[in-house]
Amino acid sequence: MIKLGILYFVLALLIAWLGRNRKLGFWGYFFASLLLSPPIGALLVLVSGPLNPPAAAGRDARYRDSAQREPSR
């Protein structure tokens, strides 16, 4: 019975580690996995989006455009 509890806890930690860069973060997915179950926690990680979705054009595109312009005199 103790081995099953350790396995449950380790699976919750693994789910939390996989979700560390997602919306709820490490602790959110860890507690969700502990309270609901590791398979439900894994589903939450799979359906959640990344922490900060990339911008459409992004900072690099603006930098590239300004670097190509010639300085005004």
C-alpha atoms as a PDB file:
ATOM      1  CA  MET A   1       0.000   0.000   0.000  1.00  0.00           C
ATOM      2  CA  ILE A   2       2.883   2.357   0.761  1.00  0.00           C
ATOM      3  CA  LYS A   3       4.407   1.654  -2.654  1.00  0.00           C
ATOM      4  CA  LEU A   4       1.144   2.693  -4.302  1.00  0.00           C
ATOM      5  CA  GLY A   5       1.145   5.964  -2.341  1.00  0.00           C
ATOM      6  CA  ILE A   6       4.746   6.672  -3.326  1.00  0.00           C
ATOM      7  CA  LEU A   7       3.913   5.952  -6.975  1.00  0.00           C
ATOM      8  CA  TYR A   8       0.923   8.313  -6.793  1.00  0.00           C
ATOM      9  CA  PHE A   9       3.101  11.079  -5.319  1.00  0.00           C
ATOM     10  CA  VAL A  10       5.888  10.557  -7.886  1.00  0.00           C
ATOM     11  CA  LEU A  11       3.372  10.652 -10.747  1.00  0.00           C
ATOM     12  CA  ALA A  12       1.945  13.899  -9.356  1.00  0.00           C
ATOM     13  CA  LEU A  13       5.476  15.351  -9.266  1.00  0.00           C
ATOM     14  CA  LEU A  14       6.073  14.231 -12.858  1.00  0.00           C
ATOM     15  CA  ILE A  15       2.823  15.843 -14.030  1.00  0.00           C
ATOM     16  CA  ALA A  16       3.773  19.034 -12.187  1.00  0.00           C
ATOM     17  CA  TRP A  17       7.205  19.067 -13.822  1.00  0.00           C
ATOM     18  CA  LEU A  18       5.610  18.647 -17.260  1.00  0.00           C
ATOM     19  CA  GLY A  19       3.243  21.541 -16.530  1.00  0.00           C
ATOM     20  CA  ARG A  20       5.847  23.953 -15.138  1.00  0.00           C
ATOM     21  CA  ASN A  21       5.665  26.201 -18.239  1.00  0.00           C
ATOM     22  CA  ARG A  22       1.890  26.022 -18.579  1.00  0.00           C
ATOM     23  CA  LYS A  23      -0.952  28.204 -17.300  1.00  0.00           C
ATOM     24  CA  LEU A  24      -1.196  26.738 -13.781  1.00  0.00           C
ATOM     25  CA  GLY A  25       2.529  26.223 -13.266  1.00  0.00           C
ATOM     26  CA  PHE A  26       4.283  23.552 -11.260  1.00  0.00           C
ATOM     27  CA  TRP A  27       2.329  23.924  -8.021  1.00  0.00           C
ATOM     28  CA  GLY A  28      -1.059  24.205  -9.708  1.00  0.00           C
ATOM     29  CA  TYR A  29      -0.648  20.949 -11.596  1.00  0.00           C
ATOM     30  CA  PHE A  30       0.946  19.255  -8.597  1.00  0.00           C
ATOM     31  CA  PHE A  31      -2.011  19.997  -6.341  1.00  0.00           C
ATOM     32  CA  ALA A  32      -4.501  19.230  -9.108  1.00  0.00           C
ATOM     33  CA  SER A  33      -2.809  15.852  -9.628  1.00  0.00           C
ATOM     34  CA  LEU A  34      -2.844  15.130  -5.913  1.00  0.00           C
ATOM     35  CA  LEU A  35      -6.471  16.146  -5.403  1.00  0.00           C
ATOM     36  CA  LEU A  36      -8.004  14.782  -8.605  1.00  0.00           C
ATOM     37  CA  SER A  37      -5.566  12.033  -9.709  1.00  0.00           C
ATOM     38  CA  PRO A  38      -2.442  11.903 -11.865  1.00  0.00           C
ATOM     39  CA  PRO A  39      -4.332  10.888 -15.052  1.00  0.00           C
ATOM     40  CA  ILE A  40      -6.685  13.875 -14.662  1.00  0.00           C
ATOM     41  CA  GLY A  41      -3.666  16.097 -13.977  1.00  0.00           C
ATOM     42  CA  ALA A  42      -2.045  14.811 -17.167  1.00  0.00           C
ATOM     43  CA  LEU A  43      -5.189  15.656 -19.136  1.00  0.00           C
ATOM     44  CA  LEU A  44      -5.146  19.165 -17.665  1.00  0.00           C
ATOM     45  CA  VAL A  45      -1.535  19.623 -18.778  1.00  0.00           C
ATOM     46  CA  LEU A  46      -2.371  18.404 -22.280  1.00  0.00           C
ATOM     47  CA  VAL A  47      -5.347  20.727 -22.780  1.00  0.00           C
ATOM     48  CA  SER A  48      -3.847  23.841 -21.193  1.00  0.00           C
ATOM     49  CA  GLY A  49      -2.000  26.407 -23.208  1.00  0.00           C
ATOM     50  CA  PRO A  50       1.547  27.635 -22.758  1.00  0.00           C
ATOM     51  CA  LEU A  51       2.314  30.242 -20.116  1.00  0.00           C
ATOM     52  CA  ASN A  52       2.915  33.115 -22.556  1.00  0.00           C
ATOM     53  CA  PRO A  53       1.796  32.494 -26.134  1.00  0.00           C
ATOM     54  CA  PRO A  54       4.167  34.038 -28.689  1.00  0.00           C
ATOM     55  CA  ALA A  55       3.192  37.386 -30.189  1.00  0.00           C
ATOM     56  CA  ALA A  56       2.075  37.528 -33.821  1.00  0.00           C
ATOM     57  CA  ALA A  57       4.952  39.575 -35.189  1.00  0.00           C
ATOM     58  CA  GLY A  58       7.205  39.416 -32.192  1.00  0.00           C
ATOM     59  CA  ARG A  59       9.984  41.627 -30.977  1.00  0.00           C
ATOM     60  CA  ASP A  60      12.493  40.140 -33.427  1.00  0.00           C
ATOM     61  CA  ALA A  61      10.482  41.244 -36.447  1.00  0.00           C
ATOM     62  CA  ARG A  62      10.444  44.858 -35.230  1.00  0.00           C
ATOM     63  CA  TYR A  63      14.176  44.713 -34.570  1.00  0.00           C
ATOM     64  CA  ARG A  64      14.839  43.284 -38.030  1.00  0.00           C
ATOM     65  CA  ASP A  65      12.813  46.055 -39.676  1.00  0.00           C
ATOM     66  CA  SER A  66      14.580  48.831 -37.784  1.00  0.00           C
ATOM     67  CA  ALA A  67      18.014  47.304 -38.473  1.00  0.00           C
ATOM     68  CA  GLN A  68      17.403  47.327 -42.231  1.00  0.00           C
ATOM     69  CA  ARG A  69      16.503  51.007 -42.371  1.00  0.00           C
ATOM     70  CA  GLU A  70      19.212  53.456 -43.146  1.00  0.00           C
ATOM     71  CA  PRO A  71      19.822  56.172 -40.600  1.00  0.00           C
ATOM     72  CA  SER A  72      18.218  59.475 -41.509  1.00  0.00           C
ATOM     73  CA  ARG A  73      20.529  62.416 -42.097  1.00  0.00           C
END
